[in-house]
């Protein structure tokens, strides 16, 4: 992860969901740690994914855009979506998870 840099266009929202995914055509259950319109961070078993692997995920009953593993550090991997996940879908997923406050509102509440 140290060598991977990105200009993130959207702020990631914290999440804690078990997600059914496919990596290398194998089913893998991973924990989604955070999510944004353009990607997410997932945690799986050691060696569950490698940089460049294609990923499909079903998050809270919703198919996420096709993704690609862009970095891996131990059991945690970064996924870049090929398309974007709509903000309303993110709001719904965060509400299901009990963290329905948008990042900009969280910043205001911290002041």
PDB file of N, CA and C in Angstrom:
ATOM      1  N   UNK A   1       0.818  -1.180   0.000  1.00  0.00           N
ATOM      2  CA  UNK A   1       0.000   0.000   0.000  1.00  0.00           C
ATOM      3  C   UNK A   1       0.866   1.250   0.000  1.00  0.00           C
ATOM      4  N   UNK A   2       2.041   1.199   0.538  1.00  0.00           N
ATOM      5  CA  UNK A   2       2.901   2.363   0.642  1.00  0.00           C
ATOM      6  C   UNK A   2       3.186   2.989  -0.713  1.00  0.00           C
ATOM      7  N   UNK A   3       3.388   2.157  -1.743  1.00  0.00           N
ATOM      8  CA  UNK A   3       3.749   2.654  -3.056  1.00  0.00           C
ATOM      9  C   UNK A   3       2.545   3.098  -3.870  1.00  0.00           C
ATOM     10  N   UNK A   4       1.348   2.820  -3.406  1.00  0.00           N
ATOM     11  CA  UNK A   4       0.155   3.169  -4.156  1.00  0.00           C
ATOM     12  C   UNK A   4      -0.311   4.554  -3.767  1.00  0.00           C
ATOM     13  N   UNK A   5      -0.419   5.424  -4.758  1.00  0.00           N
ATOM     14  CA  UNK A   5      -0.937   6.764  -4.494  1.00  0.00           C
ATOM     15  C   UNK A   5      -2.101   7.015  -5.422  1.00  0.00           C
ATOM     16  N   UNK A   6      -3.038   7.807  -4.973  1.00  0.00           N
ATOM     17  CA  UNK A   6      -4.198   8.120  -5.786  1.00  0.00           C
ATOM     18  C   UNK A   6      -4.726   9.489  -5.427  1.00  0.00           C
ATOM     19  N   UNK A   7      -5.367  10.113  -6.374  1.00  0.00           N
ATOM     20  CA  UNK A   7      -6.097  11.336  -6.110  1.00  0.00           C
ATOM     21  C   UNK A   7      -7.546  10.919  -5.948  1.00  0.00           C
ATOM     22  N   UNK A   8      -7.937  10.688  -4.740  1.00  0.00           N
ATOM     23  CA  UNK A   8      -9.273  10.192  -4.453  1.00  0.00           C
ATOM     24  C   UNK A   8     -10.270  11.316  -4.683  1.00  0.00           C
ATOM     25  N   UNK A   9     -11.251  11.056  -5.551  1.00  0.00           N
ATOM     26  CA  UNK A   9     -12.253  12.046  -5.881  1.00  0.00           C
ATOM     27  C   UNK A   9     -13.377  12.117  -4.874  1.00  0.00           C
ATOM     28  N   UNK A  10     -13.520  11.082  -4.060  1.00  0.00           N
ATOM     29  CA  UNK A  10     -14.610  11.035  -3.088  1.00  0.00           C
ATOM     30  C   UNK A  10     -14.087  10.510  -1.759  1.00  0.00           C
ATOM     31  N   UNK A  11     -14.617  11.050  -0.699  1.00  0.00           N
ATOM     32  CA  UNK A  11     -14.199  10.621   0.629  1.00  0.00           C
ATOM     33  C   UNK A  11     -14.829   9.273   0.967  1.00  0.00           C
ATOM     34  N   UNK A  12     -14.044   8.406   1.565  1.00  0.00           N
ATOM     35  CA  UNK A  12     -14.561   7.087   1.938  1.00  0.00           C
ATOM     36  C   UNK A  12     -15.368   7.172   3.223  1.00  0.00           C
ATOM     37  N   UNK A  13     -16.438   6.389   3.257  1.00  0.00           N
ATOM     38  CA  UNK A  13     -17.300   6.321   4.436  1.00  0.00           C
ATOM     39  C   UNK A  13     -17.030   5.013   5.166  1.00  0.00           C
ATOM     40  N   UNK A  14     -16.916   5.067   6.491  1.00  0.00           N
ATOM     41  CA  UNK A  14     -16.676   3.832   7.238  1.00  0.00           C
ATOM     42  C   UNK A  14     -17.878   2.909   7.133  1.00  0.00           C
ATOM     43  N   UNK A  15     -17.583   1.619   7.102  1.00  0.00           N
ATOM     44  CA  UNK A  15     -18.615   0.610   6.955  1.00  0.00           C
ATOM     45  C   UNK A  15     -18.101  -0.666   7.594  1.00  0.00           C
ATOM     46  N   UNK A  16     -18.978  -1.529   7.992  1.00  0.00           N
ATOM     47  CA  UNK A  16     -18.569  -2.833   8.497  1.00  0.00           C
ATOM     48  C   UNK A  16     -19.623  -3.842   8.065  1.00  0.00           C
ATOM     49  N   UNK A  17     -19.434  -4.371   6.855  1.00  0.00           N
ATOM     50  CA  UNK A  17     -20.401  -5.310   6.294  1.00  0.00           C
ATOM     51  C   UNK A  17     -19.695  -6.550   5.774  1.00  0.00           C
ATOM     52  N   UNK A  18     -20.305  -7.714   5.983  1.00  0.00           N
ATOM     53  CA  UNK A  18     -19.825  -8.938   5.367  1.00  0.00           C
ATOM     54  C   UNK A  18     -20.359  -8.942   3.940  1.00  0.00           C
ATOM     55  N   UNK A  19     -19.474  -9.153   2.980  1.00  0.00           N
ATOM     56  CA  UNK A  19     -19.821  -9.052   1.569  1.00  0.00           C
ATOM     57  C   UNK A  19     -19.455 -10.336   0.848  1.00  0.00           C
ATOM     58  N   UNK A  20     -20.384 -10.827   0.032  1.00  0.00           N
ATOM     59  CA  UNK A  20     -20.076 -11.976  -0.821  1.00  0.00           C
ATOM     60  C   UNK A  20     -19.443 -11.432  -2.092  1.00  0.00           C
ATOM     61  N   UNK A  21     -18.256 -11.923  -2.407  1.00  0.00           N
ATOM     62  CA  UNK A  21     -17.552 -11.439  -3.592  1.00  0.00           C
ATOM     63  C   UNK A  21     -17.007 -12.607  -4.390  1.00  0.00           C
ATOM     64  N   UNK A  22     -16.520 -12.297  -5.568  1.00  0.00           N
ATOM     65  CA  UNK A  22     -15.815 -13.266  -6.405  1.00  0.00           C
ATOM     66  C   UNK A  22     -14.476 -12.653  -6.778  1.00  0.00           C
ATOM     67  N   UNK A  23     -13.427 -13.387  -6.458  1.00  0.00           N
ATOM     68  CA  UNK A  23     -12.064 -12.993  -6.810  1.00  0.00           C
ATOM     69  C   UNK A  23     -11.444 -14.199  -7.496  1.00  0.00           C
ATOM     70  N   UNK A  24     -10.873 -13.989  -8.676  1.00  0.00           N
ATOM     71  CA  UNK A  24     -10.288 -15.100  -9.443  1.00  0.00           C
ATOM     72  C   UNK A  24     -11.315 -16.219  -9.641  1.00  0.00           C
ATOM     73  N   UNK A  25     -12.553 -15.874  -9.892  1.00  0.00           N
ATOM     74  CA  UNK A  25     -13.651 -16.828 -10.107  1.00  0.00           C
ATOM     75  C   UNK A  25     -13.974 -17.683  -8.885  1.00  0.00           C
ATOM     76  N   UNK A  26     -13.432 -17.352  -7.724  1.00  0.00           N
ATOM     77  CA  UNK A  26     -13.758 -18.060  -6.483  1.00  0.00           C
ATOM     78  C   UNK A  26     -14.637 -17.174  -5.627  1.00  0.00           C
ATOM     79  N   UNK A  27     -15.562 -17.792  -4.914  1.00  0.00           N
ATOM     80  CA  UNK A  27     -16.371 -17.043  -3.953  1.00  0.00           C
ATOM     81  C   UNK A  27     -15.502 -16.740  -2.742  1.00  0.00           C
ATOM     82  N   UNK A  28     -15.552 -15.498  -2.288  1.00  0.00           N
ATOM     83  CA  UNK A  28     -14.800 -15.087  -1.103  1.00  0.00           C
ATOM     84  C   UNK A  28     -15.697 -14.169  -0.277  1.00  0.00           C
ATOM     85  N   UNK A  29     -15.828 -14.467   0.998  1.00  0.00           N
ATOM     86  CA  UNK A  29     -16.555 -13.582   1.906  1.00  0.00           C
ATOM     87  C   UNK A  29     -15.544 -12.651   2.536  1.00  0.00           C
ATOM     88  N   UNK A  30     -15.768 -11.357   2.395  1.00  0.00           N
ATOM     89  CA  UNK A  30     -14.834 -10.353   2.899  1.00  0.00           C
ATOM     90  C   UNK A  30     -15.595  -9.344   3.742  1.00  0.00           C
ATOM     91  N   UNK A  31     -14.866  -8.645   4.594  1.00  0.00           N
ATOM     92  CA  UNK A  31     -15.430  -7.545   5.365  1.00  0.00           C
ATOM     93  C   UNK A  31     -15.159  -6.260   4.597  1.00  0.00           C
ATOM     94  N   UNK A  32     -16.217  -5.494   4.320  1.00  0.00           N
ATOM     95  CA  UNK A  32     -16.036  -4.192   3.693  1.00  0.00           C
ATOM     96  C   UNK A  32     -15.799  -3.191   4.812  1.00  0.00           C
ATOM     97  N   UNK A  33     -14.646  -2.546   4.779  1.00  0.00           N
ATOM     98  CA  UNK A  33     -14.221  -1.635   5.846  1.00  0.00           C
ATOM     99  C   UNK A  33     -14.695  -0.212   5.583  1.00  0.00           C
ATOM    100  N   UNK A  34     -14.632   0.209   4.325  1.00  0.00           N
ATOM    101  CA  UNK A  34     -15.133   1.524   3.945  1.00  0.00           C
ATOM    102  C   UNK A  34     -15.500   1.517   2.478  1.00  0.00           C
ATOM    103  N   UNK A  35     -16.205   2.583   2.052  1.00  0.00           N
ATOM    104  CA  UNK A  35     -16.686   2.634   0.676  1.00  0.00           C
ATOM    105  C   UNK A  35     -16.819   4.089   0.236  1.00  0.00           C
ATOM    106  N   UNK A  36     -16.650   4.310  -1.063  1.00  0.00           N
ATOM    107  CA  UNK A  36     -16.898   5.619  -1.676  1.00  0.00           C
ATOM    108  C   UNK A  36     -17.547   5.356  -3.032  1.00  0.00           C
ATOM    109  N   UNK A  37     -17.855   6.407  -3.750  1.00  0.00           N
ATOM    110  CA  UNK A  37     -18.453   6.240  -5.069  1.00  0.00           C
ATOM    111  C   UNK A  37     -17.525   5.478  -6.017  1.00  0.00           C
ATOM    112  N   UNK A  38     -16.217   5.611  -5.820  1.00  0.00           N
ATOM    113  CA  UNK A  38     -15.267   5.048  -6.774  1.00  0.00           C
ATOM    114  C   UNK A  38     -14.502   3.817  -6.298  1.00  0.00           C
ATOM    115  N   UNK A  39     -14.715   3.386  -5.055  1.00  0.00           N
ATOM    116  CA  UNK A  39     -13.993   2.205  -4.590  1.00  0.00           C
ATOM    117  C   UNK A  39     -14.278   1.871  -3.146  1.00  0.00           C
ATOM    118  N   UNK A  40     -13.544   0.896  -2.646  1.00  0.00           N
ATOM    119  CA  UNK A  40     -13.731   0.477  -1.260  1.00  0.00           C
ATOM    120  C   UNK A  40     -12.471  -0.218  -0.755  1.00  0.00           C
ATOM    121  N   UNK A  41     -12.498  -0.514   0.522  1.00  0.00           N
ATOM    122  CA  UNK A  41     -11.416  -1.265   1.164  1.00  0.00           C
ATOM    123  C   UNK A  41     -12.042  -2.507   1.760  1.00  0.00           C
ATOM    124  N   UNK A  42     -11.434  -3.669   1.489  1.00  0.00           N
ATOM    125  CA  UNK A  42     -11.968  -4.932   1.980  1.00  0.00           C
ATOM    126  C   UNK A  42     -10.899  -5.711   2.735  1.00  0.00           C
ATOM    127  N   UNK A  43     -11.369  -6.581   3.629  1.00  0.00           N
ATOM    128  CA  UNK A  43     -10.469  -7.414   4.421  1.00  0.00           C
ATOM    129  C   UNK A  43     -10.892  -8.859   4.257  1.00  0.00           C
ATOM    130  N   UNK A  44      -9.939  -9.701   3.882  1.00  0.00           N
ATOM    131  CA  UNK A  44     -10.207 -11.117   3.688  1.00  0.00           C
ATOM    132  C   UNK A  44      -9.137 -11.954   4.341  1.00  0.00           C
ATOM    133  N   UNK A  45      -9.099 -13.222   3.987  1.00  0.00           N
ATOM    134  CA  UNK A  45      -8.065 -14.100   4.526  1.00  0.00           C
ATOM    135  C   UNK A  45      -6.743 -13.811   3.809  1.00  0.00           C
ATOM    136  N   UNK A  46      -5.626 -14.212   4.408  1.00  0.00           N
ATOM    137  CA  UNK A  46      -4.323 -13.993   3.785  1.00  0.00           C
ATOM    138  C   UNK A  46      -4.296 -14.606   2.389  1.00  0.00           C
ATOM    139  N   UNK A  47      -3.805 -13.842   1.421  1.00  0.00           N
ATOM    140  CA  UNK A  47      -3.664 -14.334   0.057  1.00  0.00           C
ATOM    141  C   UNK A  47      -4.959 -14.417  -0.734  1.00  0.00           C
ATOM    142  N   UNK A  48      -6.042 -13.794  -0.259  1.00  0.00           N
ATOM    143  CA  UNK A  48      -7.322 -13.908  -0.960  1.00  0.00           C
ATOM    144  C   UNK A  48      -7.326 -13.154  -2.285  1.00  0.00           C
ATOM    145  N   UNK A  49      -6.430 -12.202  -2.466  1.00  0.00           N
ATOM    146  CA  UNK A  49      -6.411 -11.412  -3.700  1.00  0.00           C
ATOM    147  C   UNK A  49      -5.008 -10.895  -3.980  1.00  0.00           C
ATOM    148  N   UNK A  50      -4.790 -10.572  -5.253  1.00  0.00           N
ATOM    149  CA  UNK A  50      -3.532  -9.983  -5.696  1.00  0.00           C
ATOM    150  C   UNK A  50      -3.844  -8.739  -6.524  1.00  0.00           C
ATOM    151  N   UNK A  51      -2.887  -7.835  -6.595  1.00  0.00           N
ATOM    152  CA  UNK A  51      -3.052  -6.623  -7.402  1.00  0.00           C
ATOM    153  C   UNK A  51      -3.380  -7.032  -8.838  1.00  0.00           C
ATOM    154  N   UNK A  52      -4.409  -6.400  -9.385  1.00  0.00           N
ATOM    155  CA  UNK A  52      -4.830  -6.685 -10.757  1.00  0.00           C
ATOM    156  C   UNK A  52      -6.007  -7.631 -10.856  1.00  0.00           C
ATOM    157  N   UNK A  53      -6.330  -8.348  -9.776  1.00  0.00           N
ATOM    158  CA  UNK A  53      -7.469  -9.266  -9.794  1.00  0.00           C
ATOM    159  C   UNK A  53      -8.770  -8.500 -10.003  1.00  0.00           C
ATOM    160  N   UNK A  54      -9.693  -9.089 -10.757  1.00  0.00           N
ATOM    161  CA  UNK A  54     -11.030  -8.541 -10.936  1.00  0.00           C
ATOM    162  C   UNK A  54     -11.893  -9.009  -9.776  1.00  0.00           C
ATOM    163  N   UNK A  55     -12.798  -8.133  -9.332  1.00  0.00           N
ATOM    164  CA  UNK A  55     -13.642  -8.425  -8.175  1.00  0.00           C
ATOM    165  C   UNK A  55     -15.087  -8.056  -8.480  1.00  0.00           C
ATOM    166  N   UNK A  56     -15.995  -8.957  -8.148  1.00  0.00           N
ATOM    167  CA  UNK A  56     -17.418  -8.622  -8.154  1.00  0.00           C
ATOM    168  C   UNK A  56     -17.899  -8.756  -6.717  1.00  0.00           C
ATOM    169  N   UNK A  57     -18.815  -7.883  -6.312  1.00  0.00           N
ATOM    170  CA  UNK A  57     -19.300  -7.899  -4.931  1.00  0.00           C
ATOM    171  C   UNK A  57     -20.792  -7.626  -4.895  1.00  0.00           C
ATOM    172  N   UNK A  58     -21.447  -8.256  -3.938  1.00  0.00           N
ATOM    173  CA  UNK A  58     -22.846  -7.973  -3.658  1.00  0.00           C
ATOM    174  C   UNK A  58     -22.873  -7.386  -2.254  1.00  0.00           C
ATOM    175  N   UNK A  59     -23.248  -6.112  -2.162  1.00  0.00           N
ATOM    176  CA  UNK A  59     -23.199  -5.373  -0.908  1.00  0.00           C
ATOM    177  C   UNK A  59     -24.618  -5.059  -0.454  1.00  0.00           C
ATOM    178  N   UNK A  60     -25.043  -5.637   0.658  1.00  0.00           N
ATOM    179  CA  UNK A  60     -26.387  -5.377   1.161  1.00  0.00           C
ATOM    180  C   UNK A  60     -27.457  -5.686   0.135  1.00  0.00           C
ATOM    181  N   UNK A  61     -27.264  -6.747  -0.661  1.00  0.00           N
ATOM    182  CA  UNK A  61     -28.226  -7.127  -1.675  1.00  0.00           C
ATOM    183  C   UNK A  61     -28.095  -6.343  -2.975  1.00  0.00           C
ATOM    184  N   UNK A  62     -27.130  -5.441  -3.050  1.00  0.00           N
ATOM    185  CA  UNK A  62     -26.936  -4.590  -4.223  1.00  0.00           C
ATOM    186  C   UNK A  62     -25.616  -4.964  -4.893  1.00  0.00           C
ATOM    187  N   UNK A  63     -25.651  -5.161  -6.208  1.00  0.00           N
ATOM    188  CA  UNK A  63     -24.415  -5.447  -6.933  1.00  0.00           C
ATOM    189  C   UNK A  63     -23.589  -4.179  -7.055  1.00  0.00           C
ATOM    190  N   UNK A  64     -22.372  -4.234  -6.561  1.00  0.00           N
ATOM    191  CA  UNK A  64     -21.440  -3.110  -6.700  1.00  0.00           C
ATOM    192  C   UNK A  64     -20.885  -3.131  -8.117  1.00  0.00           C
ATOM    193  N   UNK A  65     -20.384  -1.993  -8.599  1.00  0.00           N
ATOM    194  CA  UNK A  65     -19.741  -2.003  -9.921  1.00  0.00           C
ATOM    195  C   UNK A  65     -18.560  -2.978  -9.924  1.00  0.00           C
ATOM    196  N   UNK A  66     -18.246  -3.509 -11.090  1.00  0.00           N
ATOM    197  CA  UNK A  66     -17.083  -4.368 -11.234  1.00  0.00           C
ATOM    198  C   UNK A  66     -15.873  -3.627 -10.702  1.00  0.00           C
ATOM    199  N   UNK A  67     -14.990  -4.324  -9.983  1.00  0.00           N
ATOM    200  CA  UNK A  67     -13.827  -3.674  -9.401  1.00  0.00           C
ATOM    201  C   UNK A  67     -12.533  -4.368  -9.741  1.00  0.00           C
ATOM    202  N   UNK A  68     -11.451  -3.700  -9.408  1.00  0.00           N
ATOM    203  CA  UNK A  68     -10.104  -4.223  -9.630  1.00  0.00           C
ATOM    204  C   UNK A  68      -9.293  -3.968  -8.364  1.00  0.00           C
ATOM    205  N   UNK A  69      -8.557  -4.971  -7.916  1.00  0.00           N
ATOM    206  CA  UNK A  69      -7.686  -4.813  -6.748  1.00  0.00           C
ATOM    207  C   UNK A  69      -6.505  -3.932  -7.165  1.00  0.00           C
ATOM    208  N   UNK A  70      -6.344  -2.807  -6.469  1.00  0.00           N
ATOM    209  CA  UNK A  70      -5.265  -1.881  -6.833  1.00  0.00           C
ATOM    210  C   UNK A  70      -4.113  -1.890  -5.840  1.00  0.00           C
ATOM    211  N   UNK A  71      -4.339  -2.403  -4.634  1.00  0.00           N
ATOM    212  CA  UNK A  71      -3.249  -2.598  -3.677  1.00  0.00           C
ATOM    213  C   UNK A  71      -3.663  -3.669  -2.673  1.00  0.00           C
ATOM    214  N   UNK A  72      -2.676  -4.335  -2.115  1.00  0.00           N
ATOM    215  CA  UNK A  72      -2.906  -5.358  -1.087  1.00  0.00           C
ATOM    216  C   UNK A  72      -1.844  -5.181  -0.022  1.00  0.00           C
ATOM    217  N   UNK A  73      -2.270  -5.181   1.221  1.00  0.00           N
ATOM    218  CA  UNK A  73      -1.353  -5.146   2.350  1.00  0.00           C
ATOM    219  C   UNK A  73      -1.874  -6.133   3.388  1.00  0.00           C
ATOM    220  N   UNK A  74      -1.190  -7.267   3.487  1.00  0.00           N
ATOM    221  CA  UNK A  74      -1.590  -8.330   4.405  1.00  0.00           C
ATOM    222  C   UNK A  74      -2.985  -8.825   4.023  1.00  0.00           C
ATOM    223  N   UNK A  75      -3.960  -8.645   4.893  1.00  0.00           N
ATOM    224  CA  UNK A  75      -5.324  -9.134   4.652  1.00  0.00           C
ATOM    225  C   UNK A  75      -6.256  -8.047   4.113  1.00  0.00           C
ATOM    226  N   UNK A  76      -5.744  -6.843   3.890  1.00  0.00           N
ATOM    227  CA  UNK A  76      -6.580  -5.726   3.447  1.00  0.00           C
ATOM    228  C   UNK A  76      -6.220  -5.351   2.011  1.00  0.00           C
ATOM    229  N   UNK A  77      -7.259  -5.060   1.211  1.00  0.00           N
ATOM    230  CA  UNK A  77      -7.041  -4.705  -0.192  1.00  0.00           C
ATOM    231  C   UNK A  77      -7.891  -3.500  -0.564  1.00  0.00           C
ATOM    232  N   UNK A  78      -7.379  -2.708  -1.496  1.00  0.00           N
ATOM    233  CA  UNK A  78      -8.124  -1.574  -2.037  1.00  0.00           C
ATOM    234  C   UNK A  78      -8.720  -1.954  -3.374  1.00  0.00           C
ATOM    235  N   UNK A  79      -9.990  -1.620  -3.553  1.00  0.00           N
ATOM    236  CA  UNK A  79     -10.705  -1.928  -4.790  1.00  0.00           C
ATOM    237  C   UNK A  79     -11.095  -0.626  -5.470  1.00  0.00           C
ATOM    238  N   UNK A  80     -10.769  -0.499  -6.751  1.00  0.00           N
ATOM    239  CA  UNK A  80     -11.224   0.634  -7.560  1.00  0.00           C
ATOM    240  C   UNK A  80     -12.360   0.130  -8.435  1.00  0.00           C
ATOM    241  N   UNK A  81     -13.526   0.783  -8.340  1.00  0.00           N
ATOM    242  CA  UNK A  81     -14.658   0.405  -9.174  1.00  0.00           C
ATOM    243  C   UNK A  81     -14.429   0.897 -10.595  1.00  0.00           C
ATOM    244  N   UNK A  82     -14.908   0.127 -11.576  1.00  0.00           N
ATOM    245  CA  UNK A  82     -14.810   0.567 -12.972  1.00  0.00           C
ATOM    246  C   UNK A  82     -15.828   1.656 -13.266  1.00  0.00           C
ATOM    247  N   UNK A  83     -16.970   1.588 -12.619  1.00  0.00           N
ATOM    248  CA  UNK A  83     -17.968   2.642 -12.735  1.00  0.00           C
ATOM    249  C   UNK A  83     -18.053   3.328 -11.387  1.00  0.00           C
ATOM    250  N   UNK A  84     -19.134   4.044 -11.161  1.00  0.00           N
ATOM    251  CA  UNK A  84     -19.321   4.672  -9.855  1.00  0.00           C
ATOM    252  C   UNK A  84     -20.571   4.139  -9.190  1.00  0.00           C
ATOM    253  N   UNK A  85     -20.524   4.068  -7.875  1.00  0.00           N
ATOM    254  CA  UNK A  85     -21.694   3.704  -7.108  1.00  0.00           C
ATOM    255  C   UNK A  85     -22.424   5.004  -6.771  1.00  0.00           C
ATOM    256  N   UNK A  86     -23.720   5.030  -7.032  1.00  0.00           N
ATOM    257  CA  UNK A  86     -24.506   6.238  -6.812  1.00  0.00           C
ATOM    258  C   UNK A  86     -24.512   6.612  -5.333  1.00  0.00           C
ATOM    259  N   UNK A  87     -24.462   7.910  -5.058  1.00  0.00           N
ATOM    260  CA  UNK A  87     -24.423   8.399  -3.683  1.00  0.00           C
ATOM    261  C   UNK A  87     -25.643   7.937  -2.869  1.00  0.00           C
ATOM    262  N   UNK A  88     -26.801   7.836  -3.509  1.00  0.00           N
ATOM    263  CA  UNK A  88     -28.007   7.372  -2.801  1.00  0.00           C
ATOM    264  C   UNK A  88     -27.844   5.925  -2.338  1.00  0.00           C
ATOM    265  N   UNK A  89     -27.145   5.114  -3.134  1.00  0.00           N
ATOM    266  CA  UNK A  89     -26.883   3.725  -2.746  1.00  0.00           C
ATOM    267  C   UNK A  89     -25.936   3.706  -1.548  1.00  0.00           C
ATOM    268  N   UNK A  90     -24.924   4.567  -1.569  1.00  0.00           N
ATOM    269  CA  UNK A  90     -24.000   4.660  -0.432  1.00  0.00           C
ATOM    270  C   UNK A  90     -24.745   5.073   0.833  1.00  0.00           C
ATOM    271  N   UNK A  91     -25.643   6.064   0.707  1.00  0.00           N
ATOM    272  CA  UNK A  91     -26.439   6.500   1.854  1.00  0.00           C
ATOM    273  C   UNK A  91     -27.240   5.325   2.421  1.00  0.00           C
ATOM    274  N   UNK A  92     -27.842   4.541   1.527  1.00  0.00           N
ATOM    275  CA  UNK A  92     -28.643   3.381   1.944  1.00  0.00           C
ATOM    276  C   UNK A  92     -27.779   2.353   2.675  1.00  0.00           C
ATOM    277  N   UNK A  93     -26.614   2.019   2.118  1.00  0.00           N
ATOM    278  CA  UNK A  93     -25.727   1.032   2.740  1.00  0.00           C
ATOM    279  C   UNK A  93     -25.242   1.504   4.108  1.00  0.00           C
ATOM    280  N   UNK A  94     -24.891   2.780   4.199  1.00  0.00           N
ATOM    281  CA  UNK A  94     -24.423   3.321   5.475  1.00  0.00           C
ATOM    282  C   UNK A  94     -25.558   3.333   6.498  1.00  0.00           C
ATOM    283  N   UNK A  95     -26.793   3.596   6.061  1.00  0.00           N
ATOM    284  CA  UNK A  95     -27.941   3.574   6.969  1.00  0.00           C
ATOM    285  C   UNK A  95     -28.181   2.162   7.479  1.00  0.00           C
ATOM    286  N   UNK A  96     -28.042   1.155   6.608  1.00  0.00           N
ATOM    287  CA  UNK A  96     -28.192  -0.237   7.034  1.00  0.00           C
ATOM    288  C   UNK A  96     -27.157  -0.601   8.088  1.00  0.00           C
ATOM    289  N   UNK A  97     -25.994   0.009   7.958  1.00  0.00           N
ATOM    290  CA  UNK A  97     -24.870  -0.280   8.833  1.00  0.00           C
ATOM    291  C   UNK A  97     -24.893   0.572  10.102  1.00  0.00           C
ATOM    292  N   UNK A  98     -25.824   1.520  10.181  1.00  0.00           N
ATOM    293  CA  UNK A  98     -25.898   2.372  11.358  1.00  0.00           C
ATOM    294  C   UNK A  98     -24.975   3.560  11.322  1.00  0.00           C
ATOM    295  N   UNK A  99     -24.347   3.829  10.175  1.00  0.00           N
ATOM    296  CA  UNK A  99     -23.461   4.994  10.050  1.00  0.00           C
ATOM    297  C   UNK A  99     -23.962   5.856   8.901  1.00  0.00           C
ATOM    298  N   UNK A 100     -25.193   6.392   9.054  1.00  0.00           N
ATOM    299  CA  UNK A 100     -25.824   7.104   7.956  1.00  0.00           C
ATOM    300  C   UNK A 100     -25.461   8.583   7.886  1.00  0.00           C
ATOM    301  N   UNK A 101     -24.481   9.029   8.640  1.00  0.00           N
ATOM    302  CA  UNK A 101     -24.065  10.427   8.592  1.00  0.00           C
ATOM    303  C   UNK A 101     -23.043  10.590   7.474  1.00  0.00           C
ATOM    304  N   UNK A 102     -23.294  11.519   6.592  1.00  0.00           N
ATOM    305  CA  UNK A 102     -22.365  11.787   5.488  1.00  0.00           C
ATOM    306  C   UNK A 102     -21.079  12.398   6.032  1.00  0.00           C
ATOM    307  N   UNK A 103     -19.939  12.183   5.342  1.00  0.00           N
ATOM    308  CA  UNK A 103     -18.655  12.714   5.821  1.00  0.00           C
ATOM    309  C   UNK A 103     -18.669  14.204   6.109  1.00  0.00           C
ATOM    310  N   UNK A 104     -19.333  15.007   5.241  1.00  0.00           N
ATOM    311  CA  UNK A 104     -19.329  16.452   5.479  1.00  0.00           C
ATOM    312  C   UNK A 104     -20.096  16.798   6.756  1.00  0.00           C
ATOM    313  N   UNK A 105     -21.147  16.037   7.078  1.00  0.00           N
ATOM    314  CA  UNK A 105     -21.887  16.265   8.321  1.00  0.00           C
ATOM    315  C   UNK A 105     -21.060  15.823   9.523  1.00  0.00           C
ATOM    316  N   UNK A 106     -20.280  14.755   9.366  1.00  0.00           N
ATOM    317  CA  UNK A 106     -19.415  14.301  10.460  1.00  0.00           C
ATOM    318  C   UNK A 106     -18.407  15.386  10.808  1.00  0.00           C
ATOM    319  N   UNK A 107     -17.843  16.036   9.776  1.00  0.00           N
ATOM    320  CA  UNK A 107     -16.871  17.106  10.021  1.00  0.00           C
ATOM    321  C   UNK A 107     -17.534  18.256  10.791  1.00  0.00           C
ATOM    322  N   UNK A 108     -18.751  18.598  10.416  1.00  0.00           N
ATOM    323  CA  UNK A 108     -19.451  19.683  11.093  1.00  0.00           C
ATOM    324  C   UNK A 108     -19.734  19.322  12.544  1.00  0.00           C
ATOM    325  N   UNK A 109     -20.059  18.071  12.798  1.00  0.00           N
ATOM    326  CA  UNK A 109     -20.369  17.652  14.169  1.00  0.00           C
ATOM    327  C   UNK A 109     -19.134  17.628  15.056  1.00  0.00           C
ATOM    328  N   UNK A 110     -17.943  17.500  14.472  1.00  0.00           N
ATOM    329  CA  UNK A 110     -16.711  17.448  15.255  1.00  0.00           C
ATOM    330  C   UNK A 110     -16.280  18.796  15.761  1.00  0.00           C
ATOM    331  N   UNK A 111     -16.765  19.893  15.149  1.00  0.00           N
ATOM    332  CA  UNK A 111     -16.317  21.247  15.492  1.00  0.00           C
ATOM    333  C   UNK A 111     -16.771  21.634  16.879  1.00  0.00           C
TER     334      UNK A 111
END
